[in-house]
Amino acid sequence: MEWHRVELAGERAVLVAGGREIVVFRSEGRLYALANACPHEGNPLVDGEVLGNTLTCAYHGWRFDLETGACLAGEEPAASYPVEERDGAVWVRA
């Protein structure tokens, strides 16, 4: 795994790294990174609703803990990735 810089304009962005799409969210000042495909049917999680540290998939309502990717309403977790801000830039390890 290596670190990838992502341009975060606003509260969310999608990064392609190693052939995978990763969505990065900023919510309440914290950064989170998850696979951009909902484990239910592969729909893009970037379209979901973020409230605090919870993401709700816009397509079927599955809910995920943004910090861990744990599934709160549904059956499978979303992959999560380390993310941090350094010198004003956002970096994801994938």
PDB file of N, CA and C in Angstrom:
ATOM      1  N   MET A   1       0.846  -1.183   0.000  1.00  0.00           N
ATOM      2  CA  MET A   1       0.000   0.000   0.000  1.00  0.00           C
ATOM      3  C   MET A   1       0.887   1.240   0.000  1.00  0.00           C
ATOM      4  N   GLU A   2       0.438   2.248  -0.714  1.00  0.00           N
ATOM      5  CA  GLU A   2       1.186   3.490  -0.750  1.00  0.00           C
ATOM      6  C   GLU A   2       0.214   4.661  -0.583  1.00  0.00           C
ATOM      7  N   TRP A   3       0.758   5.835  -0.276  1.00  0.00           N
ATOM      8  CA  TRP A   3      -0.049   7.029  -0.059  1.00  0.00           C
ATOM      9  C   TRP A   3      -0.336   7.718  -1.391  1.00  0.00           C
ATOM     10  N   HIS A   4      -1.589   8.177  -1.560  1.00  0.00           N
ATOM     11  CA  HIS A   4      -2.027   8.869  -2.761  1.00  0.00           C
ATOM     12  C   HIS A   4      -2.661  10.195  -2.356  1.00  0.00           C
ATOM     13  N   ARG A   5      -2.286  11.249  -3.046  1.00  0.00           N
ATOM     14  CA  ARG A   5      -2.858  12.559  -2.770  1.00  0.00           C
ATOM     15  C   ARG A   5      -4.213  12.672  -3.461  1.00  0.00           C
ATOM     16  N   VAL A   6      -5.169  13.257  -2.765  1.00  0.00           N
ATOM     17  CA  VAL A   6      -6.506  13.458  -3.335  1.00  0.00           C
ATOM     18  C   VAL A   6      -6.866  14.935  -3.198  1.00  0.00           C
ATOM     19  N   GLU A   7      -7.445  15.469  -4.249  1.00  0.00           N
ATOM     20  CA  GLU A   7      -7.926  16.854  -4.220  1.00  0.00           C
ATOM     21  C   GLU A   7      -9.337  16.836  -3.644  1.00  0.00           C
ATOM     22  N   LEU A   8      -9.475  17.386  -2.460  1.00  0.00           N
ATOM     23  CA  LEU A   8     -10.771  17.388  -1.774  1.00  0.00           C
ATOM     24  C   LEU A   8     -11.369  18.777  -1.897  1.00  0.00           C
ATOM     25  N   ALA A   9     -12.219  18.951  -2.893  1.00  0.00           N
ATOM     26  CA  ALA A   9     -12.922  20.217  -3.088  1.00  0.00           C
ATOM     27  C   ALA A   9     -14.280  20.069  -2.420  1.00  0.00           C
ATOM     28  N   GLY A  10     -14.467  20.722  -1.327  1.00  0.00           N
ATOM     29  CA  GLY A  10     -15.720  20.580  -0.593  1.00  0.00           C
ATOM     30  C   GLY A  10     -15.617  19.456   0.423  1.00  0.00           C
ATOM     31  N   GLU A  11     -16.655  18.671   0.535  1.00  0.00           N
ATOM     32  CA  GLU A  11     -16.755  17.651   1.585  1.00  0.00           C
ATOM     33  C   GLU A  11     -16.526  16.230   1.111  1.00  0.00           C
ATOM     34  N   ARG A  12     -16.320  16.022  -0.208  1.00  0.00           N
ATOM     35  CA  ARG A  12     -16.119  14.661  -0.709  1.00  0.00           C
ATOM     36  C   ARG A  12     -15.380  14.679  -2.032  1.00  0.00           C
ATOM     37  N   ALA A  13     -14.698  13.568  -2.306  1.00  0.00           N
ATOM     38  CA  ALA A  13     -13.964  13.409  -3.565  1.00  0.00           C
ATOM     39  C   ALA A  13     -13.747  11.923  -3.804  1.00  0.00           C
ATOM     40  N   VAL A  14     -13.524  11.560  -5.062  1.00  0.00           N
ATOM     41  CA  VAL A  14     -13.233  10.174  -5.425  1.00  0.00           C
ATOM     42  C   VAL A  14     -11.814  10.103  -5.963  1.00  0.00           C
ATOM     43  N   LEU A  15     -11.075   9.127  -5.469  1.00  0.00           N
ATOM     44  CA  LEU A  15      -9.704   8.871  -5.875  1.00  0.00           C
ATOM     45  C   LEU A  15      -9.657   7.491  -6.524  1.00  0.00           C
ATOM     46  N   VAL A  16      -8.930   7.362  -7.624  1.00  0.00           N
ATOM     47  CA  VAL A  16      -8.703   6.044  -8.228  1.00  0.00           C
ATOM     48  C   VAL A  16      -7.259   5.667  -7.908  1.00  0.00           C
ATOM     49  N   ALA A  17      -7.083   4.564  -7.198  1.00  0.00           N
ATOM     50  CA  ALA A  17      -5.750   4.103  -6.793  1.00  0.00           C
ATOM     51  C   ALA A  17      -5.694   2.594  -6.916  1.00  0.00           C
ATOM     52  N   GLY A  18      -4.717   2.097  -7.639  1.00  0.00           N
ATOM     53  CA  GLY A  18      -4.576   0.649  -7.792  1.00  0.00           C
ATOM     54  C   GLY A  18      -5.789  -0.005  -8.410  1.00  0.00           C
ATOM     55  N   GLY A  19      -6.467   0.712  -9.304  1.00  0.00           N
ATOM     56  CA  GLY A  19      -7.645   0.153  -9.957  1.00  0.00           C
ATOM     57  C   GLY A  19      -8.902   0.181  -9.109  1.00  0.00           C
ATOM     58  N   ARG A  20      -8.833   0.789  -7.932  1.00  0.00           N
ATOM     59  CA  ARG A  20     -10.000   0.869  -7.039  1.00  0.00           C
ATOM     60  C   ARG A  20     -10.448   2.310  -6.911  1.00  0.00           C
ATOM     61  N   GLU A  21     -11.748   2.519  -6.810  1.00  0.00           N
ATOM     62  CA  GLU A  21     -12.277   3.840  -6.507  1.00  0.00           C
ATOM     63  C   GLU A  21     -12.451   3.943  -5.000  1.00  0.00           C
ATOM     64  N   ILE A  22     -11.925   5.031  -4.456  1.00  0.00           N
ATOM     65  CA  ILE A  22     -12.020   5.285  -3.018  1.00  0.00           C
ATOM     66  C   ILE A  22     -12.666   6.647  -2.849  1.00  0.00           C
ATOM     67  N   VAL A  23     -13.681   6.730  -2.002  1.00  0.00           N
ATOM     68  CA  VAL A  23     -14.332   7.998  -1.734  1.00  0.00           C
ATOM     69  C   VAL A  23     -13.805   8.549  -0.405  1.00  0.00           C
ATOM     70  N   VAL A  24     -13.507   9.836  -0.421  1.00  0.00           N
ATOM     71  CA  VAL A  24     -13.020  10.519   0.774  1.00  0.00           C
ATOM     72  C   VAL A  24     -14.076  11.532   1.191  1.00  0.00           C
ATOM     73  N   PHE A  25     -14.417  11.503   2.473  1.00  0.00           N
ATOM     74  CA  PHE A  25     -15.391  12.438   3.031  1.00  0.00           C
ATOM     75  C   PHE A  25     -14.729  13.258   4.131  1.00  0.00           C
ATOM     76  N   ARG A  26     -15.143  14.509   4.248  1.00  0.00           N
ATOM     77  CA  ARG A  26     -14.816  15.317   5.421  1.00  0.00           C
ATOM     78  C   ARG A  26     -16.150  15.616   6.100  1.00  0.00           C
ATOM     79  N   SER A  27     -16.264  15.204   7.349  1.00  0.00           N
ATOM     80  CA  SER A  27     -17.484  15.443   8.116  1.00  0.00           C
ATOM     81  C   SER A  27     -17.102  15.898   9.513  1.00  0.00           C
ATOM     82  N   GLU A  28     -17.670  17.023   9.911  1.00  0.00           N
ATOM     83  CA  GLU A  28     -17.408  17.586  11.235  1.00  0.00           C
ATOM     84  C   GLU A  28     -15.907  17.715  11.494  1.00  0.00           C
ATOM     85  N   GLY A  29     -15.160  18.085  10.450  1.00  0.00           N
ATOM     86  CA  GLY A  29     -13.733  18.315  10.577  1.00  0.00           C
ATOM     87  C   GLY A  29     -12.854  17.078  10.503  1.00  0.00           C
ATOM     88  N   ARG A  30     -13.441  15.907  10.399  1.00  0.00           N
ATOM     89  CA  ARG A  30     -12.666  14.658  10.327  1.00  0.00           C
ATOM     90  C   ARG A  30     -12.699  14.097   8.918  1.00  0.00           C
ATOM     91  N   LEU A  31     -11.639  13.362   8.560  1.00  0.00           N
ATOM     92  CA  LEU A  31     -11.532  12.732   7.245  1.00  0.00           C
ATOM     93  C   LEU A  31     -11.796  11.239   7.336  1.00  0.00           C
ATOM     94  N   TYR A  32     -12.450  10.716   6.308  1.00  0.00           N
ATOM     95  CA  TYR A  32     -12.755   9.288   6.227  1.00  0.00           C
ATOM     96  C   TYR A  32     -12.555   8.833   4.781  1.00  0.00           C
ATOM     97  N   ALA A  33     -12.143   7.577   4.590  1.00  0.00           N
ATOM     98  CA  ALA A  33     -11.979   7.027   3.249  1.00  0.00           C
ATOM     99  C   ALA A  33     -12.534   5.604   3.210  1.00  0.00           C
ATOM    100  N   LEU A  34     -13.426   5.363   2.253  1.00  0.00           N
ATOM    101  CA  LEU A  34     -14.050   4.049   2.068  1.00  0.00           C
ATOM    102  C   LEU A  34     -14.009   3.675   0.591  1.00  0.00           C
ATOM    103  N   ALA A  35     -14.138   2.383   0.321  1.00  0.00           N
ATOM    104  CA  ALA A  35     -14.328   1.944  -1.061  1.00  0.00           C
ATOM    105  C   ALA A  35     -15.571   2.636  -1.592  1.00  0.00           C
ATOM    106  N   ASN A  36     -15.548   3.080  -2.823  1.00  0.00           N
ATOM    107  CA  ASN A  36     -16.676   3.822  -3.378  1.00  0.00           C
ATOM    108  C   ASN A  36     -17.795   2.912  -3.878  1.00  0.00           C
ATOM    109  N   ALA A  37     -17.709   1.634  -3.668  1.00  0.00           N
ATOM    110  CA  ALA A  37     -18.749   0.699  -4.100  1.00  0.00           C
ATOM    111  C   ALA A  37     -19.450   0.106  -2.878  1.00  0.00           C
ATOM    112  N   CYS A  38     -20.740   0.314  -2.793  1.00  0.00           N
ATOM    113  CA  CYS A  38     -21.508  -0.286  -1.699  1.00  0.00           C
ATOM    114  C   CYS A  38     -21.422  -1.808  -1.826  1.00  0.00           C
ATOM    115  N   PRO A  39     -21.135  -2.511  -0.729  1.00  0.00           N
ATOM    116  CA  PRO A  39     -21.032  -3.969  -0.824  1.00  0.00           C
ATOM    117  C   PRO A  39     -22.356  -4.653  -1.182  1.00  0.00           C
ATOM    118  N   HIS A  40     -23.465  -3.952  -1.089  1.00  0.00           N
ATOM    119  CA  HIS A  40     -24.763  -4.530  -1.414  1.00  0.00           C
ATOM    120  C   HIS A  40     -24.894  -4.792  -2.912  1.00  0.00           C
ATOM    121  N   GLU A  41     -24.780  -3.727  -3.735  1.00  0.00           N
ATOM    122  CA  GLU A  41     -24.929  -3.913  -5.183  1.00  0.00           C
ATOM    123  C   GLU A  41     -23.910  -3.119  -5.988  1.00  0.00           C
ATOM    124  N   GLY A  42     -22.894  -2.579  -5.308  1.00  0.00           N
ATOM    125  CA  GLY A  42     -21.830  -1.874  -6.007  1.00  0.00           C
ATOM    126  C   GLY A  42     -22.123  -0.433  -6.365  1.00  0.00           C
ATOM    127  N   ASN A  43     -23.239   0.111  -5.888  1.00  0.00           N
ATOM    128  CA  ASN A  43     -23.567   1.506  -6.188  1.00  0.00           C
ATOM    129  C   ASN A  43     -22.550   2.447  -5.555  1.00  0.00           C
ATOM    130  N   PRO A  44     -22.346   3.627  -6.144  1.00  0.00           N
ATOM    131  CA  PRO A  44     -21.330   4.549  -5.639  1.00  0.00           C
ATOM    132  C   PRO A  44     -21.712   5.184  -4.299  1.00  0.00           C
ATOM    133  N   LEU A  45     -20.871   4.973  -3.309  1.00  0.00           N
ATOM    134  CA  LEU A  45     -21.134   5.532  -1.988  1.00  0.00           C
ATOM    135  C   LEU A  45     -20.945   7.042  -1.951  1.00  0.00           C
ATOM    136  N   VAL A  46     -20.232   7.595  -2.937  1.00  0.00           N
ATOM    137  CA  VAL A  46     -20.046   9.046  -2.985  1.00  0.00           C
ATOM    138  C   VAL A  46     -21.394   9.769  -3.045  1.00  0.00           C
ATOM    139  N   ASP A  47     -22.435   9.120  -3.533  1.00  0.00           N
ATOM    140  CA  ASP A  47     -23.757   9.722  -3.636  1.00  0.00           C
ATOM    141  C   ASP A  47     -24.542   9.675  -2.333  1.00  0.00           C
ATOM    142  N   GLY A  48     -23.992   9.018  -1.320  1.00  0.00           N
ATOM    143  CA  GLY A  48     -24.714   8.830  -0.075  1.00  0.00           C
ATOM    144  C   GLY A  48     -24.798  10.063   0.792  1.00  0.00           C
ATOM    145  N   GLU A  49     -25.612   9.962   1.839  1.00  0.00           N
ATOM    146  CA  GLU A  49     -25.810  11.047   2.796  1.00  0.00           C
ATOM    147  C   GLU A  49     -24.905  10.820   4.006  1.00  0.00           C
ATOM    148  N   VAL A  50     -24.161  11.850   4.374  1.00  0.00           N
ATOM    149  CA  VAL A  50     -23.272  11.787   5.523  1.00  0.00           C
ATOM    150  C   VAL A  50     -23.894  12.593   6.654  1.00  0.00           C
ATOM    151  N   LEU A  51     -23.971  11.968   7.811  1.00  0.00           N
ATOM    152  CA  LEU A  51     -24.441  12.640   9.011  1.00  0.00           C
ATOM    153  C   LEU A  51     -23.502  12.236  10.133  1.00  0.00           C
ATOM    154  N   GLY A  52     -22.659  13.172  10.583  1.00  0.00           N
ATOM    155  CA  GLY A  52     -21.657  12.850  11.598  1.00  0.00           C
ATOM    156  C   GLY A  52     -20.677  11.846  11.041  1.00  0.00           C
ATOM    157  N   ASN A  53     -20.555  10.702  11.707  1.00  0.00           N
ATOM    158  CA  ASN A  53     -19.642   9.663  11.220  1.00  0.00           C
ATOM    159  C   ASN A  53     -20.397   8.478  10.610  1.00  0.00           C
ATOM    160  N   THR A  54     -21.605   8.750  10.094  1.00  0.00           N
ATOM    161  CA  THR A  54     -22.414   7.700   9.470  1.00  0.00           C
ATOM    162  C   THR A  54     -22.716   8.067   8.025  1.00  0.00           C
ATOM    163  N   LEU A  55     -22.575   7.097   7.137  1.00  0.00           N
ATOM    164  CA  LEU A  55     -22.890   7.251   5.720  1.00  0.00           C
ATOM    165  C   LEU A  55     -24.065   6.346   5.388  1.00  0.00           C
ATOM    166  N   THR A  56     -25.066   6.895   4.714  1.00  0.00           N
ATOM    167  CA  THR A  56     -26.206   6.109   4.250  1.00  0.00           C
ATOM    168  C   THR A  56     -26.159   6.027   2.733  1.00  0.00           C
ATOM    169  N   CYS A  57     -26.124   4.808   2.200  1.00  0.00           N
ATOM    170  CA  CYS A  57     -26.116   4.603   0.751  1.00  0.00           C
ATOM    171  C   CYS A  57     -27.403   5.178   0.158  1.00  0.00           C
ATOM    172  N   ALA A  58     -27.247   5.990  -0.879  1.00  0.00           N
ATOM    173  CA  ALA A  58     -28.384   6.662  -1.506  1.00  0.00           C
ATOM    174  C   ALA A  58     -29.320   5.701  -2.231  1.00  0.00           C
ATOM    175  N   TYR A  59     -28.876   4.491  -2.507  1.00  0.00           N
ATOM    176  CA  TYR A  59     -29.644   3.599  -3.359  1.00  0.00           C
ATOM    177  C   TYR A  59     -30.519   2.607  -2.598  1.00  0.00           C
ATOM    178  N   HIS A  60     -30.029   2.055  -1.501  1.00  0.00           N
ATOM    179  CA  HIS A  60     -30.830   1.061  -0.781  1.00  0.00           C
ATOM    180  C   HIS A  60     -30.818   1.254   0.729  1.00  0.00           C
ATOM    181  N   GLY A  61     -30.233   2.359   1.205  1.00  0.00           N
ATOM    182  CA  GLY A  61     -30.329   2.692   2.617  1.00  0.00           C
ATOM    183  C   GLY A  61     -29.375   1.972   3.552  1.00  0.00           C
ATOM    184  N   TRP A  62     -28.434   1.197   3.026  1.00  0.00           N
ATOM    185  CA  TRP A  62     -27.459   0.589   3.927  1.00  0.00           C
ATOM    186  C   TRP A  62     -26.678   1.705   4.596  1.00  0.00           C
ATOM    187  N   ARG A  63     -26.362   1.534   5.882  1.00  0.00           N
ATOM    188  CA  ARG A  63     -25.634   2.557   6.641  1.00  0.00           C
ATOM    189  C   ARG A  63     -24.287   2.008   7.088  1.00  0.00           C
ATOM    190  N   PHE A  64     -23.274   2.883   7.067  1.00  0.00           N
ATOM    191  CA  PHE A  64     -21.905   2.487   7.408  1.00  0.00           C
ATOM    192  C   PHE A  64     -21.279   3.469   8.392  1.00  0.00           C
ATOM    193  N   ASP A  65     -20.472   2.934   9.288  1.00  0.00           N
ATOM    194  CA  ASP A  65     -19.640   3.746  10.162  1.00  0.00           C
ATOM    195  C   ASP A  65     -18.480   4.244   9.307  1.00  0.00           C
ATOM    196  N   LEU A  66     -18.343   5.552   9.150  1.00  0.00           N
ATOM    197  CA  LEU A  66     -17.302   6.093   8.278  1.00  0.00           C
ATOM    198  C   LEU A  66     -15.902   5.779   8.778  1.00  0.00           C
ATOM    199  N   GLU A  67     -15.730   5.662  10.074  1.00  0.00           N
ATOM    200  CA  GLU A  67     -14.392   5.421  10.616  1.00  0.00           C
ATOM    201  C   GLU A  67     -13.893   4.009  10.343  1.00  0.00           C
ATOM    202  N   THR A  68     -14.769   3.026  10.459  1.00  0.00           N
ATOM    203  CA  THR A  68     -14.347   1.626  10.349  1.00  0.00           C
ATOM    204  C   THR A  68     -14.890   0.910   9.115  1.00  0.00           C
ATOM    205  N   GLY A  69     -15.933   1.460   8.495  1.00  0.00           N
ATOM    206  CA  GLY A  69     -16.595   0.785   7.381  1.00  0.00           C
ATOM    207  C   GLY A  69     -17.625  -0.231   7.837  1.00  0.00           C
ATOM    208  N   ALA A  70     -17.765  -0.413   9.161  1.00  0.00           N
ATOM    209  CA  ALA A  70     -18.728  -1.389   9.692  1.00  0.00           C
ATOM    210  C   ALA A  70     -20.130  -1.067   9.189  1.00  0.00           C
ATOM    211  N   CYS A  71     -20.863  -2.113   8.863  1.00  0.00           N
ATOM    212  CA  CYS A  71     -22.226  -1.965   8.366  1.00  0.00           C
ATOM    213  C   CYS A  71     -23.178  -1.859   9.560  1.00  0.00           C
ATOM    214  N   LEU A  72     -23.927  -0.768   9.628  1.00  0.00           N
ATOM    215  CA  LEU A  72     -24.849  -0.523  10.728  1.00  0.00           C
ATOM    216  C   LEU A  72     -26.269  -0.935  10.370  1.00  0.00           C
ATOM    217  N   ALA A  73     -26.596  -0.939   9.096  1.00  0.00           N
ATOM    218  CA  ALA A  73     -27.899  -1.388   8.609  1.00  0.00           C
ATOM    219  C   ALA A  73     -27.648  -2.011   7.245  1.00  0.00           C
ATOM    220  N   GLY A  74     -27.611  -3.312   7.211  1.00  0.00           N
ATOM    221  CA  GLY A  74     -27.255  -4.068   6.016  1.00  0.00           C
ATOM    222  C   GLY A  74     -26.469  -5.281   6.465  1.00  0.00           C
ATOM    223  N   GLU A  75     -25.718  -5.886   5.560  1.00  0.00           N
ATOM    224  CA  GLU A  75     -25.076  -7.148   5.899  1.00  0.00           C
ATOM    225  C   GLU A  75     -23.562  -7.185   5.793  1.00  0.00           C
ATOM    226  N   GLU A  76     -22.946  -6.338   4.954  1.00  0.00           N
ATOM    227  CA  GLU A  76     -21.500  -6.418   4.747  1.00  0.00           C
ATOM    228  C   GLU A  76     -20.849  -5.062   4.973  1.00  0.00           C
ATOM    229  N   PRO A  77     -19.638  -5.048   5.540  1.00  0.00           N
ATOM    230  CA  PRO A  77     -18.940  -3.776   5.732  1.00  0.00           C
ATOM    231  C   PRO A  77     -18.383  -3.243   4.414  1.00  0.00           C
ATOM    232  N   ALA A  78     -18.087  -1.946   4.415  1.00  0.00           N
ATOM    233  CA  ALA A  78     -17.384  -1.314   3.297  1.00  0.00           C
ATOM    234  C   ALA A  78     -15.905  -1.271   3.671  1.00  0.00           C
ATOM    235  N   ALA A  79     -15.038  -1.482   2.709  1.00  0.00           N
ATOM    236  CA  ALA A  79     -13.594  -1.407   2.976  1.00  0.00           C
ATOM    237  C   ALA A  79     -13.242   0.021   3.358  1.00  0.00           C
ATOM    238  N   SER A  80     -12.432   0.176   4.401  1.00  0.00           N
ATOM    239  CA  SER A  80     -11.992   1.507   4.808  1.00  0.00           C
ATOM    240  C   SER A  80     -10.488   1.615   4.619  1.00  0.00           C
ATOM    241  N   TYR A  81     -10.014   2.843   4.466  1.00  0.00           N
ATOM    242  CA  TYR A  81      -8.604   3.107   4.192  1.00  0.00           C
ATOM    243  C   TYR A  81      -8.096   4.200   5.116  1.00  0.00           C
ATOM    244  N   PRO A  82      -6.812   4.132   5.477  1.00  0.00           N
ATOM    245  CA  PRO A  82      -6.223   5.216   6.272  1.00  0.00           C
ATOM    246  C   PRO A  82      -6.221   6.507   5.463  1.00  0.00           C
ATOM    247  N   VAL A  83      -6.542   7.613   6.114  1.00  0.00           N
ATOM    248  CA  VAL A  83      -6.556   8.916   5.463  1.00  0.00           C
ATOM    249  C   VAL A  83      -6.045   9.948   6.459  1.00  0.00           C
ATOM    250  N   GLU A  84      -5.293  10.914   5.961  1.00  0.00           N
ATOM    251  CA  GLU A  84      -4.772  11.960   6.839  1.00  0.00           C
ATOM    252  C   GLU A  84      -4.531  13.231   6.039  1.00  0.00           C
ATOM    253  N   GLU A  85      -4.402  14.312   6.773  1.00  0.00           N
ATOM    254  CA  GLU A  85      -4.096  15.599   6.157  1.00  0.00           C
ATOM    255  C   GLU A  85      -2.702  16.003   6.583  1.00  0.00           C
ATOM    256  N   ARG A  86      -1.852  16.316   5.603  1.00  0.00           N
ATOM    257  CA  ARG A  86      -0.472  16.750   5.859  1.00  0.00           C
ATOM    258  C   ARG A  86      -0.187  17.986   5.034  1.00  0.00           C
ATOM    259  N   ASP A  87       0.280  19.014   5.683  1.00  0.00           N
ATOM    260  CA  ASP A  87       0.671  20.245   4.991  1.00  0.00           C
ATOM    261  C   ASP A  87      -0.421  20.756   4.059  1.00  0.00           C
ATOM    262  N   GLY A  88      -1.663  20.665   4.503  1.00  0.00           N
ATOM    263  CA  GLY A  88      -2.777  21.174   3.721  1.00  0.00           C
ATOM    264  C   GLY A  88      -3.264  20.265   2.614  1.00  0.00           C
ATOM    265  N   ALA A  89      -2.675  19.086   2.456  1.00  0.00           N
ATOM    266  CA  ALA A  89      -3.094  18.126   1.430  1.00  0.00           C
ATOM    267  C   ALA A  89      -3.682  16.887   2.091  1.00  0.00           C
ATOM    268  N   VAL A  90      -4.628  16.252   1.398  1.00  0.00           N
ATOM    269  CA  VAL A  90      -5.268  15.034   1.903  1.00  0.00           C
ATOM    270  C   VAL A  90      -4.604  13.838   1.232  1.00  0.00           C
ATOM    271  N   TRP A  91      -4.256  12.831   2.038  1.00  0.00           N
ATOM    272  CA  TRP A  91      -3.578  11.630   1.551  1.00  0.00           C
ATOM    273  C   TRP A  91      -4.336  10.386   2.001  1.00  0.00           C
ATOM    274  N   VAL A  92      -4.465   9.416   1.090  1.00  0.00           N
ATOM    275  CA  VAL A  92      -5.121   8.134   1.367  1.00  0.00           C
ATOM    276  C   VAL A  92      -4.120   7.022   1.111  1.00  0.00           C
ATOM    277  N   ARG A  93      -4.085   6.052   2.017  1.00  0.00           N
ATOM    278  CA  ARG A  93      -3.193   4.904   1.825  1.00  0.00           C
ATOM    279  C   ARG A  93      -3.996   3.749   1.262  1.00  0.00           C
ATOM    280  N   ALA A  94      -3.620   3.356   0.032  1.00  0.00           N
ATOM    281  CA  ALA A  94      -4.365   2.269  -0.623  1.00  0.00           C
ATOM    282  C   ALA A  94      -3.431   1.452  -1.483  1.00  0.00           C
TER     283      ALA A  94
END
